[in-house]
Amino acid sequence: MVEAEVLSLKNPVFCAYLISSCFLVVKMILLAFFTGYKRAVHKVYLSPEDADFNKGQVKTHDEVERVRRAHLNDLENIPIFWTSAFAYLWTKPSITVACFLYFGFVLRLSQVV
């Protein structure tokens, strides 16, 4: 395949890559907001300035830490997925195998929280 054909919306493998990437971006954004929400609910903050401003404390809380670790896990794994999945596009994979791998990764990361 020529470069234009690989990175075309007519290529179903590229479409699968884009869809799975969009799901992962949305998940990362939601986890960032959810971490902030949990911090606000439990009045647990990272810096003394935030704690003073919001009348909270600088400490840890199990629920906040769980969501924060899930977000950190995404920040570690999703960029690797983007890189390796993009490189995989150039191997001319079958649509079935590519969808299985792409959406399998998305489903695996979806069940973290």
PDB file of N, CA and C in Angstrom:
ATOM      1  N   MET A   1       0.834  -1.188   0.000  1.00  0.00           N
ATOM      2  CA  MET A   1       0.000   0.000   0.000  1.00  0.00           C
ATOM      3  C   MET A   1       0.874   1.244   0.000  1.00  0.00           C
ATOM      4  N   VAL A   2       0.399   2.233  -0.662  1.00  0.00           N
ATOM      5  CA  VAL A   2       1.063   3.525  -0.677  1.00  0.00           C
ATOM      6  C   VAL A   2       0.655   4.266   0.598  1.00  0.00           C
ATOM      7  N   GLU A   3       1.471   5.240   0.997  1.00  0.00           N
ATOM      8  CA  GLU A   3       1.203   5.980   2.231  1.00  0.00           C
ATOM      9  C   GLU A   3      -0.203   6.557   2.255  1.00  0.00           C
ATOM     10  N   ALA A   4      -0.646   7.127   1.147  1.00  0.00           N
ATOM     11  CA  ALA A   4      -1.979   7.726   1.093  1.00  0.00           C
ATOM     12  C   ALA A   4      -3.068   6.680   1.301  1.00  0.00           C
ATOM     13  N   GLU A   5      -2.836   5.460   0.851  1.00  0.00           N
ATOM     14  CA  GLU A   5      -3.832   4.402   1.021  1.00  0.00           C
ATOM     15  C   GLU A   5      -3.887   3.904   2.461  1.00  0.00           C
ATOM     16  N   VAL A   6      -2.743   3.840   3.119  1.00  0.00           N
ATOM     17  CA  VAL A   6      -2.705   3.359   4.505  1.00  0.00           C
ATOM     18  C   VAL A   6      -3.404   4.346   5.428  1.00  0.00           C
ATOM     19  N   LEU A   7      -3.145   5.633   5.239  1.00  0.00           N
ATOM     20  CA  LEU A   7      -3.709   6.662   6.108  1.00  0.00           C
ATOM     21  C   LEU A   7      -4.968   7.273   5.512  1.00  0.00           C
ATOM     22  N   SER A   8      -5.806   6.434   4.945  1.00  0.00           N
ATOM     23  CA  SER A   8      -7.042   6.880   4.315  1.00  0.00           C
ATOM     24  C   SER A   8      -8.232   6.324   5.084  1.00  0.00           C
ATOM     25  N   LEU A   9      -9.304   7.079   5.107  1.00  0.00           N
ATOM     26  CA  LEU A   9     -10.525   6.587   5.748  1.00  0.00           C
ATOM     27  C   LEU A   9     -11.153   5.448   4.959  1.00  0.00           C
ATOM     28  N   LYS A  10     -10.653   5.205   3.760  1.00  0.00           N
ATOM     29  CA  LYS A  10     -11.114   4.054   2.977  1.00  0.00           C
ATOM     30  C   LYS A  10     -10.449   2.760   3.451  1.00  0.00           C
ATOM     31  N   ASN A  11      -9.393   2.888   4.233  1.00  0.00           N
ATOM     32  CA  ASN A  11      -8.696   1.730   4.792  1.00  0.00           C
ATOM     33  C   ASN A  11      -9.397   1.339   6.104  1.00  0.00           C
ATOM     34  N   PRO A  12     -10.062   0.186   6.164  1.00  0.00           N
ATOM     35  CA  PRO A  12     -10.808  -0.190   7.372  1.00  0.00           C
ATOM     36  C   PRO A  12      -9.911  -0.394   8.594  1.00  0.00           C
ATOM     37  N   VAL A  13      -8.664  -0.771   8.388  1.00  0.00           N
ATOM     38  CA  VAL A  13      -7.747  -0.941   9.523  1.00  0.00           C
ATOM     39  C   VAL A  13      -7.419   0.425  10.132  1.00  0.00           C
ATOM     40  N   PHE A  14      -7.221   1.428   9.286  1.00  0.00           N
ATOM     41  CA  PHE A  14      -6.968   2.778   9.783  1.00  0.00           C
ATOM     42  C   PHE A  14      -8.191   3.317  10.520  1.00  0.00           C
ATOM     43  N   CYS A  15      -9.378   3.033  10.012  1.00  0.00           N
ATOM     44  CA  CYS A  15     -10.609   3.444  10.699  1.00  0.00           C
ATOM     45  C   CYS A  15     -10.715   2.790  12.072  1.00  0.00           C
ATOM     46  N   ALA A  16     -10.374   1.512  12.149  1.00  0.00           N
ATOM     47  CA  ALA A  16     -10.389   0.814  13.441  1.00  0.00           C
ATOM     48  C   ALA A  16      -9.383   1.451  14.403  1.00  0.00           C
ATOM     49  N   TYR A  17      -8.225   1.834  13.875  1.00  0.00           N
ATOM     50  CA  TYR A  17      -7.206   2.511  14.688  1.00  0.00           C
ATOM     51  C   TYR A  17      -7.748   3.838  15.219  1.00  0.00           C
ATOM     52  N   LEU A  18      -8.379   4.613  14.348  1.00  0.00           N
ATOM     53  CA  LEU A  18      -8.919   5.907  14.771  1.00  0.00           C
ATOM     54  C   LEU A  18     -10.018   5.747  15.816  1.00  0.00           C
ATOM     55  N   ILE A  19     -10.912   4.798  15.606  1.00  0.00           N
ATOM     56  CA  ILE A  19     -12.009   4.577  16.555  1.00  0.00           C
ATOM     57  C   ILE A  19     -11.461   4.147  17.913  1.00  0.00           C
ATOM     58  N   SER A  20     -10.550   3.202  17.914  1.00  0.00           N
ATOM     59  CA  SER A  20      -9.996   2.741  19.191  1.00  0.00           C
ATOM     60  C   SER A  20      -9.207   3.861  19.873  1.00  0.00           C
ATOM     61  N   SER A  21      -8.492   4.654  19.109  1.00  0.00           N
ATOM     62  CA  SER A  21      -7.754   5.780  19.686  1.00  0.00           C
ATOM     63  C   SER A  21      -8.695   6.808  20.299  1.00  0.00           C
ATOM     64  N   CYS A  22      -9.809   7.066  19.631  1.00  0.00           N
ATOM     65  CA  CYS A  22     -10.790   8.016  20.169  1.00  0.00           C
ATOM     66  C   CYS A  22     -11.363   7.525  21.493  1.00  0.00           C
ATOM     67  N   PHE A  23     -11.689   6.249  21.573  1.00  0.00           N
ATOM     68  CA  PHE A  23     -12.183   5.690  22.836  1.00  0.00           C
ATOM     69  C   PHE A  23     -11.152   5.882  23.950  1.00  0.00           C
ATOM     70  N   LEU A  24      -9.893   5.646  23.639  1.00  0.00           N
ATOM     71  CA  LEU A  24      -8.849   5.758  24.654  1.00  0.00           C
ATOM     72  C   LEU A  24      -8.632   7.203  25.085  1.00  0.00           C
ATOM     73  N   VAL A  25      -8.718   8.144  24.155  1.00  0.00           N
ATOM     74  CA  VAL A  25      -8.588   9.561  24.500  1.00  0.00           C
ATOM     75  C   VAL A  25      -9.730   9.985  25.417  1.00  0.00           C
ATOM     76  N   VAL A  26     -10.943   9.590  25.072  1.00  0.00           N
ATOM     77  CA  VAL A  26     -12.102   9.933  25.906  1.00  0.00           C
ATOM     78  C   VAL A  26     -11.944   9.336  27.300  1.00  0.00           C
ATOM     79  N   LYS A  27     -11.475   8.101  27.374  1.00  0.00           N
ATOM     80  CA  LYS A  27     -11.274   7.456  28.676  1.00  0.00           C
ATOM     81  C   LYS A  27     -10.250   8.219  29.512  1.00  0.00           C
ATOM     82  N   MET A  28      -9.154   8.647  28.890  1.00  0.00           N
ATOM     83  CA  MET A  28      -8.134   9.389  29.633  1.00  0.00           C
ATOM     84  C   MET A  28      -8.680  10.720  30.141  1.00  0.00           C
ATOM     85  N   ILE A  29      -9.454  11.404  29.320  1.00  0.00           N
ATOM     86  CA  ILE A  29     -10.035  12.684  29.733  1.00  0.00           C
ATOM     87  C   ILE A  29     -11.018  12.475  30.876  1.00  0.00           C
ATOM     88  N   LEU A  30     -11.868  11.459  30.764  1.00  0.00           N
ATOM     89  CA  LEU A  30     -12.834  11.183  31.827  1.00  0.00           C
ATOM     90  C   LEU A  30     -12.139  10.821  33.139  1.00  0.00           C
ATOM     91  N   LEU A  31     -11.067  10.040  33.065  1.00  0.00           N
ATOM     92  CA  LEU A  31     -10.344   9.691  34.290  1.00  0.00           C
ATOM     93  C   LEU A  31      -9.688  10.920  34.923  1.00  0.00           C
ATOM     94  N   ALA A  32      -9.228  11.855  34.118  1.00  0.00           N
ATOM     95  CA  ALA A  32      -8.648  13.082  34.668  1.00  0.00           C
ATOM     96  C   ALA A  32      -9.711  13.862  35.437  1.00  0.00           C
ATOM     97  N   PHE A  33     -10.894  14.004  34.847  1.00  0.00           N
ATOM     98  CA  PHE A  33     -11.981  14.697  35.541  1.00  0.00           C
ATOM     99  C   PHE A  33     -12.453  13.920  36.766  1.00  0.00           C
ATOM    100  N   PHE A  34     -12.503  12.601  36.650  1.00  0.00           N
ATOM    101  CA  PHE A  34     -12.956  11.766  37.762  1.00  0.00           C
ATOM    102  C   PHE A  34     -11.968  11.840  38.929  1.00  0.00           C
ATOM    103  N   THR A  35     -10.686  11.929  38.631  1.00  0.00           N
ATOM    104  CA  THR A  35      -9.685  12.092  39.689  1.00  0.00           C
ATOM    105  C   THR A  35      -9.906  13.414  40.419  1.00  0.00           C
ATOM    106  N   GLY A  36     -10.117  14.478  39.665  1.00  0.00           N
ATOM    107  CA  GLY A  36     -10.401  15.777  40.274  1.00  0.00           C
ATOM    108  C   GLY A  36     -11.676  15.761  41.093  1.00  0.00           C
ATOM    109  N   TYR A  37     -12.686  15.083  40.586  1.00  0.00           N
ATOM    110  CA  TYR A  37     -13.957  14.968  41.307  1.00  0.00           C
ATOM    111  C   TYR A  37     -13.759  14.243  42.640  1.00  0.00           C
ATOM    112  N   LYS A  38     -13.039  13.119  42.606  1.00  0.00           N
ATOM    113  CA  LYS A  38     -12.793  12.357  43.838  1.00  0.00           C
ATOM    114  C   LYS A  38     -11.986  13.183  44.838  1.00  0.00           C
ATOM    115  N   ARG A  39     -11.016  13.955  44.344  1.00  0.00           N
ATOM    116  CA  ARG A  39     -10.240  14.814  45.241  1.00  0.00           C
ATOM    117  C   ARG A  39     -11.144  15.858  45.894  1.00  0.00           C
ATOM    118  N   ALA A  40     -12.044  16.444  45.117  1.00  0.00           N
ATOM    119  CA  ALA A  40     -12.937  17.469  45.657  1.00  0.00           C
ATOM    120  C   ALA A  40     -13.928  16.874  46.654  1.00  0.00           C
ATOM    121  N   VAL A  41     -14.483  15.712  46.344  1.00  0.00           N
ATOM    122  CA  VAL A  41     -15.461  15.077  47.237  1.00  0.00           C
ATOM    123  C   VAL A  41     -14.830  14.735  48.585  1.00  0.00           C
ATOM    124  N   HIS A  42     -13.622  14.191  48.545  1.00  0.00           N
ATOM    125  CA  HIS A  42     -12.969  13.756  49.783  1.00  0.00           C
ATOM    126  C   HIS A  42     -12.055  14.829  50.376  1.00  0.00           C
ATOM    127  N   LYS A  43     -12.005  15.997  49.725  1.00  0.00           N
ATOM    128  CA  LYS A  43     -11.169  17.123  50.162  1.00  0.00           C
ATOM    129  C   LYS A  43      -9.723  16.685  50.406  1.00  0.00           C
ATOM    130  N   VAL A  44      -9.194  15.969  49.419  1.00  0.00           N
ATOM    131  CA  VAL A  44      -7.819  15.471  49.452  1.00  0.00           C
ATOM    132  C   VAL A  44      -7.075  16.114  48.287  1.00  0.00           C
ATOM    133  N   TYR A  45      -6.005  16.838  48.588  1.00  0.00           N
ATOM    134  CA  TYR A  45      -5.298  17.578  47.549  1.00  0.00           C
ATOM    135  C   TYR A  45      -3.813  17.238  47.550  1.00  0.00           C
ATOM    136  N   LEU A  46      -3.155  17.530  46.438  1.00  0.00           N
ATOM    137  CA  LEU A  46      -1.727  17.236  46.293  1.00  0.00           C
ATOM    138  C   LEU A  46      -0.843  18.311  46.905  1.00  0.00           C
ATOM    139  N   SER A  47      -1.243  19.555  46.761  1.00  0.00           N
ATOM    140  CA  SER A  47      -0.379  20.644  47.213  1.00  0.00           C
ATOM    141  C   SER A  47      -1.028  21.408  48.368  1.00  0.00           C
ATOM    142  N   PRO A  48      -0.212  21.980  49.243  1.00  0.00           N
ATOM    143  CA  PRO A  48      -0.756  22.770  50.355  1.00  0.00           C
ATOM    144  C   PRO A  48      -1.571  23.974  49.874  1.00  0.00           C
ATOM    145  N   GLU A  49      -1.184  24.540  48.728  1.00  0.00           N
ATOM    146  CA  GLU A  49      -1.920  25.695  48.204  1.00  0.00           C
ATOM    147  C   GLU A  49      -3.357  25.314  47.858  1.00  0.00           C
ATOM    148  N   ASP A  50      -3.519  24.171  47.188  1.00  0.00           N
ATOM    149  CA  ASP A  50      -4.866  23.706  46.845  1.00  0.00           C
ATOM    150  C   ASP A  50      -5.658  23.370  48.097  1.00  0.00           C
ATOM    151  N   ALA A  51      -5.004  22.745  49.056  1.00  0.00           N
ATOM    152  CA  ALA A  51      -5.688  22.366  50.295  1.00  0.00           C
ATOM    153  C   ALA A  51      -6.147  23.603  51.059  1.00  0.00           C
ATOM    154  N   ASP A  52      -5.304  24.627  51.149  1.00  0.00           N
ATOM    155  CA  ASP A  52      -5.685  25.859  51.846  1.00  0.00           C
ATOM    156  C   ASP A  52      -6.832  26.558  51.136  1.00  0.00           C
ATOM    157  N   PHE A  53      -6.751  26.640  49.821  1.00  0.00           N
ATOM    158  CA  PHE A  53      -7.777  27.329  49.034  1.00  0.00           C
ATOM    159  C   PHE A  53      -9.131  26.630  49.146  1.00  0.00           C
ATOM    160  N   ASN A  54      -9.130  25.304  49.160  1.00  0.00           N
ATOM    161  CA  ASN A  54     -10.375  24.529  49.169  1.00  0.00           C
ATOM    162  C   ASN A  54     -10.741  23.981  50.541  1.00  0.00           C
ATOM    163  N   LYS A  55     -10.035  24.439  51.577  1.00  0.00           N
ATOM    164  CA  LYS A  55     -10.292  23.997  52.948  1.00  0.00           C
ATOM    165  C   LYS A  55     -10.244  22.474  53.071  1.00  0.00           C
ATOM    166  N   GLY A  56      -9.200  21.909  52.511  1.00  0.00           N
ATOM    167  CA  GLY A  56      -9.002  20.459  52.560  1.00  0.00           C
ATOM    168  C   GLY A  56      -7.680  20.129  53.211  1.00  0.00           C
ATOM    169  N   GLN A  57      -7.199  18.928  52.937  1.00  0.00           N
ATOM    170  CA  GLN A  57      -5.958  18.454  53.531  1.00  0.00           C
ATOM    171  C   GLN A  57      -5.050  17.866  52.454  1.00  0.00           C
ATOM    172  N   VAL A  58      -3.755  17.905  52.757  1.00  0.00           N
ATOM    173  CA  VAL A  58      -2.794  17.220  51.898  1.00  0.00           C
ATOM    174  C   VAL A  58      -2.596  15.839  52.510  1.00  0.00           C
ATOM    175  N   LYS A  59      -3.239  14.854  51.920  1.00  0.00           N
ATOM    176  CA  LYS A  59      -3.134  13.476  52.404  1.00  0.00           C
ATOM    177  C   LYS A  59      -3.549  12.551  51.273  1.00  0.00           C
ATOM    178  N   THR A  60      -3.584  11.274  51.546  1.00  0.00           N
ATOM    179  CA  THR A  60      -4.046  10.315  50.543  1.00  0.00           C
ATOM    180  C   THR A  60      -5.371   9.719  50.991  1.00  0.00           C
ATOM    181  N   HIS A  61      -6.111   9.245  50.016  1.00  0.00           N
ATOM    182  CA  HIS A  61      -7.389   8.582  50.270  1.00  0.00           C
ATOM    183  C   HIS A  61      -7.469   7.406  49.308  1.00  0.00           C
ATOM    184  N   ASP A  62      -7.961   6.282  49.783  1.00  0.00           N
ATOM    185  CA  ASP A  62      -7.971   5.063  48.969  1.00  0.00           C
ATOM    186  C   ASP A  62      -8.717   5.229  47.649  1.00  0.00           C
ATOM    187  N   GLU A  63      -9.889   5.870  47.678  1.00  0.00           N
ATOM    188  CA  GLU A  63     -10.674   6.027  46.442  1.00  0.00           C
ATOM    189  C   GLU A  63      -9.965   6.939  45.449  1.00  0.00           C
ATOM    190  N   VAL A  64      -9.381   8.008  45.950  1.00  0.00           N
ATOM    191  CA  VAL A  64      -8.653   8.935  45.084  1.00  0.00           C
ATOM    192  C   VAL A  64      -7.435   8.235  44.481  1.00  0.00           C
ATOM    193  N   GLU A  65      -6.721   7.489  45.299  1.00  0.00           N
ATOM    194  CA  GLU A  65      -5.525   6.793  44.823  1.00  0.00           C
ATOM    195  C   GLU A  65      -5.859   5.736  43.784  1.00  0.00           C
ATOM    196  N   ARG A  66      -6.988   5.085  43.931  1.00  0.00           N
ATOM    197  CA  ARG A  66      -7.384   4.063  42.953  1.00  0.00           C
ATOM    198  C   ARG A  66      -7.600   4.685  41.575  1.00  0.00           C
ATOM    199  N   VAL A  67      -8.333   5.794  41.543  1.00  0.00           N
ATOM    200  CA  VAL A  67      -8.597   6.472  40.270  1.00  0.00           C
ATOM    201  C   VAL A  67      -7.307   7.068  39.711  1.00  0.00           C
ATOM    202  N   ARG A  68      -6.482   7.640  40.582  1.00  0.00           N
ATOM    203  CA  ARG A  68      -5.216   8.230  40.140  1.00  0.00           C
ATOM    204  C   ARG A  68      -4.300   7.169  39.531  1.00  0.00           C
ATOM    205  N   ARG A  69      -4.231   6.002  40.154  1.00  0.00           N
ATOM    206  CA  ARG A  69      -3.394   4.923  39.611  1.00  0.00           C
ATOM    207  C   ARG A  69      -3.925   4.429  38.267  1.00  0.00           C
ATOM    208  N   ALA A  70      -5.248   4.377  38.124  1.00  0.00           N
ATOM    209  CA  ALA A  70      -5.832   3.978  36.835  1.00  0.00           C
ATOM    210  C   ALA A  70      -5.454   4.986  35.749  1.00  0.00           C
ATOM    211  N   HIS A  71      -5.482   6.273  36.100  1.00  0.00           N
ATOM    212  CA  HIS A  71      -5.111   7.307  35.138  1.00  0.00           C
ATOM    213  C   HIS A  71      -3.625   7.211  34.786  1.00  0.00           C
ATOM    214  N   LEU A  72      -2.787   6.982  35.776  1.00  0.00           N
ATOM    215  CA  LEU A  72      -1.354   6.815  35.505  1.00  0.00           C
ATOM    216  C   LEU A  72      -1.096   5.591  34.634  1.00  0.00           C
ATOM    217  N   ASN A  73      -1.847   4.534  34.852  1.00  0.00           N
ATOM    218  CA  ASN A  73      -1.727   3.339  34.023  1.00  0.00           C
ATOM    219  C   ASN A  73      -2.041   3.668  32.562  1.00  0.00           C
ATOM    220  N   ASP A  74      -3.085   4.457  32.357  1.00  0.00           N
ATOM    221  CA  ASP A  74      -3.422   4.885  30.995  1.00  0.00           C
ATOM    222  C   ASP A  74      -2.300   5.719  30.387  1.00  0.00           C
ATOM    223  N   LEU A  75      -1.749   6.631  31.178  1.00  0.00           N
ATOM    224  CA  LEU A  75      -0.675   7.488  30.669  1.00  0.00           C
ATOM    225  C   LEU A  75       0.575   6.693  30.304  1.00  0.00           C
ATOM    226  N   GLU A  76       0.747   5.536  30.922  1.00  0.00           N
ATOM    227  CA  GLU A  76       1.888   4.684  30.589  1.00  0.00           C
ATOM    228  C   GLU A  76       1.609   3.808  29.371  1.00  0.00           C
ATOM    229  N   ASN A  77       0.403   3.270  29.269  1.00  0.00           N
ATOM    230  CA  ASN A  77       0.115   2.248  28.259  1.00  0.00           C
ATOM    231  C   ASN A  77      -0.452   2.774  26.946  1.00  0.00           C
ATOM    232  N   ILE A  78      -1.251   3.808  26.983  1.00  0.00           N
ATOM    233  CA  ILE A  78      -1.929   4.269  25.772  1.00  0.00           C
ATOM    234  C   ILE A  78      -0.961   4.850  24.738  1.00  0.00           C
ATOM    235  N   PRO A  79       0.032   5.665  25.119  1.00  0.00           N
ATOM    236  CA  PRO A  79       0.984   6.122  24.086  1.00  0.00           C
ATOM    237  C   PRO A  79       1.737   4.971  23.413  1.00  0.00           C
ATOM    238  N   ILE A  80       2.023   3.922  24.159  1.00  0.00           N
ATOM    239  CA  ILE A  80       2.670   2.751  23.559  1.00  0.00           C
ATOM    240  C   ILE A  80       1.722   2.099  22.555  1.00  0.00           C
ATOM    241  N   PHE A  81       0.437   2.029  22.907  1.00  0.00           N
ATOM    242  CA  PHE A  81      -0.555   1.485  21.973  1.00  0.00           C
ATOM    243  C   PHE A  81      -0.591   2.319  20.702  1.00  0.00           C
ATOM    244  N   TRP A  82      -0.667   3.654  20.845  1.00  0.00           N
ATOM    245  CA  TRP A  82      -0.736   4.508  19.661  1.00  0.00           C
ATOM    246  C   TRP A  82       0.455   4.264  18.740  1.00  0.00           C
ATOM    247  N   THR A  83       1.636   4.170  19.312  1.00  0.00           N
ATOM    248  CA  THR A  83       2.845   3.978  18.511  1.00  0.00           C
ATOM    249  C   THR A  83       2.867   2.614  17.836  1.00  0.00           C
ATOM    250  N   SER A  84       2.653   1.576  18.612  1.00  0.00           N
ATOM    251  CA  SER A  84       2.737   0.222  18.045  1.00  0.00           C
ATOM    252  C   SER A  84       1.577  -0.061  17.093  1.00  0.00           C
ATOM    253  N   ALA A  85       0.387   0.418  17.414  1.00  0.00           N
ATOM    254  CA  ALA A  85      -0.762   0.194  16.532  1.00  0.00           C
ATOM    255  C   ALA A  85      -0.597   0.962  15.224  1.00  0.00           C
ATOM    256  N   PHE A  86      -0.019   2.158  15.299  1.00  0.00           N
ATOM    257  CA  PHE A  86       0.232   2.924  14.078  1.00  0.00           C
ATOM    258  C   PHE A  86       1.265   2.218  13.209  1.00  0.00           C
ATOM    259  N   ALA A  87       2.305   1.699  13.832  1.00  0.00           N
ATOM    260  CA  ALA A  87       3.318   0.953  13.073  1.00  0.00           C
ATOM    261  C   ALA A  87       2.709  -0.306  12.463  1.00  0.00           C
ATOM    262  N   TYR A  88       1.786  -0.927  13.174  1.00  0.00           N
ATOM    263  CA  TYR A  88       1.133  -2.147  12.690  1.00  0.00           C
ATOM    264  C   TYR A  88       0.321  -1.883  11.421  1.00  0.00           C
ATOM    265  N   LEU A  89      -0.170  -0.651  11.263  1.00  0.00           N
ATOM    266  CA  LEU A  89      -0.915  -0.289  10.046  1.00  0.00           C
ATOM    267  C   LEU A  89      -0.096  -0.557   8.787  1.00  0.00           C
ATOM    268  N   TRP A  90       1.207  -0.352   8.858  1.00  0.00           N
ATOM    269  CA  TRP A  90       2.077  -0.442   7.693  1.00  0.00           C
ATOM    270  C   TRP A  90       2.396  -1.879   7.304  1.00  0.00           C
ATOM    271  N   THR A  91       1.972  -2.852   8.108  1.00  0.00           N
ATOM    272  CA  THR A  91       2.240  -4.259   7.783  1.00  0.00           C
ATOM    273  C   THR A  91       1.134  -4.875   6.939  1.00  0.00           C
ATOM    274  N   LYS A  92       0.152  -4.072   6.556  1.00  0.00           N
ATOM    275  CA  LYS A  92      -0.995  -4.534   5.762  1.00  0.00           C
ATOM    276  C   LYS A  92      -1.715  -5.699   6.456  1.00  0.00           C
ATOM    277  N   PRO A  93      -2.144  -5.500   7.704  1.00  0.00           N
ATOM    278  CA  PRO A  93      -2.778  -6.602   8.439  1.00  0.00           C
ATOM    279  C   PRO A  93      -4.182  -6.881   7.927  1.00  0.00           C
ATOM    280  N   SER A  94      -4.678  -8.055   8.268  1.00  0.00           N
ATOM    281  CA  SER A  94      -6.072  -8.348   7.928  1.00  0.00           C
ATOM    282  C   SER A  94      -6.959  -7.536   8.867  1.00  0.00           C
ATOM    283  N   ILE A  95      -8.108  -7.143   8.368  1.00  0.00           N
ATOM    284  CA  ILE A  95      -9.023  -6.321   9.154  1.00  0.00           C
ATOM    285  C   ILE A  95      -9.485  -7.062  10.406  1.00  0.00           C
ATOM    286  N   THR A  96      -9.687  -8.363  10.302  1.00  0.00           N
ATOM    287  CA  THR A  96     -10.160  -9.150  11.442  1.00  0.00           C
ATOM    288  C   THR A  96      -9.134  -9.153  12.572  1.00  0.00           C
ATOM    289  N   VAL A  97      -7.903  -9.428  12.230  1.00  0.00           N
ATOM    290  CA  VAL A  97      -6.848  -9.474  13.250  1.00  0.00           C
ATOM    291  C   VAL A  97      -6.619  -8.083  13.839  1.00  0.00           C
ATOM    292  N   ALA A  98      -6.586  -7.065  12.995  1.00  0.00           N
ATOM    293  CA  ALA A  98      -6.353  -5.702  13.474  1.00  0.00           C
ATOM    294  C   ALA A  98      -7.462  -5.260  14.425  1.00  0.00           C
ATOM    295  N   CYS A  99      -8.714  -5.514  14.051  1.00  0.00           N
ATOM    296  CA  CYS A  99      -9.833  -5.141  14.927  1.00  0.00           C
ATOM    297  C   CYS A  99      -9.774  -5.904  16.241  1.00  0.00           C
ATOM    298  N   PHE A 100      -9.444  -7.180  16.164  1.00  0.00           N
ATOM    299  CA  PHE A 100      -9.326  -7.985  17.377  1.00  0.00           C
ATOM    300  C   PHE A 100      -8.265  -7.395  18.305  1.00  0.00           C
ATOM    301  N   LEU A 101      -7.116  -7.038  17.757  1.00  0.00           N
ATOM    302  CA  LEU A 101      -6.033  -6.488  18.577  1.00  0.00           C
ATOM    303  C   LEU A 101      -6.359  -5.089  19.091  1.00  0.00           C
ATOM    304  N   TYR A 102      -6.844  -4.219  18.213  1.00  0.00           N
ATOM    305  CA  TYR A 102      -7.136  -2.842  18.615  1.00  0.00           C
ATOM    306  C   TYR A 102      -8.246  -2.789  19.656  1.00  0.00           C
ATOM    307  N   PHE A 103      -9.366  -3.421  19.348  1.00  0.00           N
ATOM    308  CA  PHE A 103     -10.498  -3.329  20.268  1.00  0.00           C
ATOM    309  C   PHE A 103     -10.292  -4.200  21.498  1.00  0.00           C
ATOM    310  N   GLY A 104      -9.489  -5.240  21.373  1.00  0.00           N
ATOM    311  CA  GLY A 104      -9.126  -6.033  22.545  1.00  0.00           C
ATOM    312  C   GLY A 104      -8.347  -5.204  23.551  1.00  0.00           C
ATOM    313  N   PHE A 105      -7.436  -4.368  23.053  1.00  0.00           N
ATOM    314  CA  PHE A 105      -6.675  -3.488  23.938  1.00  0.00           C
ATOM    315  C   PHE A 105      -7.596  -2.465  24.591  1.00  0.00           C
ATOM    316  N   VAL A 106      -8.517  -1.915  23.813  1.00  0.00           N
ATOM    317  CA  VAL A 106      -9.462  -0.936  24.361  1.00  0.00           C
ATOM    318  C   VAL A 106     -10.310  -1.581  25.454  1.00  0.00           C
ATOM    319  N   LEU A 107     -10.811  -2.777  25.203  1.00  0.00           N
ATOM    320  CA  LEU A 107     -11.627  -3.461  26.207  1.00  0.00           C
ATOM    321  C   LEU A 107     -10.817  -3.792  27.452  1.00  0.00           C
ATOM    322  N   ARG A 108      -9.570  -4.174  27.266  1.00  0.00           N
ATOM    323  CA  ARG A 108      -8.720  -4.488  28.409  1.00  0.00           C
ATOM    324  C   ARG A 108      -8.509  -3.262  29.290  1.00  0.00           C
ATOM    325  N   LEU A 109      -8.285  -2.115  28.679  1.00  0.00           N
ATOM    326  CA  LEU A 109      -8.100  -0.900  29.471  1.00  0.00           C
ATOM    327  C   LEU A 109      -9.415  -0.349  30.004  1.00  0.00           C
ATOM    328  N   SER A 110     -10.528  -0.709  29.390  1.00  0.00           N
ATOM    329  CA  SER A 110     -11.826  -0.199  29.833  1.00  0.00           C
ATOM    330  C   SER A 110     -12.228  -0.761  31.187  1.00  0.00           C
ATOM    331  N   GLN A 111     -11.798  -1.955  31.498  1.00  0.00           N
ATOM    332  CA  GLN A 111     -12.234  -2.594  32.733  1.00  0.00           C
ATOM    333  C   GLN A 111     -11.364  -2.235  33.929  1.00  0.00           C
ATOM    334  N   VAL A 112     -10.439  -1.313  33.768  1.00  0.00           N
ATOM    335  CA  VAL A 112      -9.520  -0.966  34.849  1.00  0.00           C
ATOM    336  C   VAL A 112     -10.243  -0.303  36.016  1.00  0.00           C
ATOM    337  N   VAL A 113     -11.165   0.581  35.738  1.00  0.00           N
ATOM    338  CA  VAL A 113     -11.839   1.321  36.821  1.00  0.00           C
ATOM    339  C   VAL A 113     -13.022   0.553  37.330  1.00  0.00           C
TER     340      VAL A 113
END
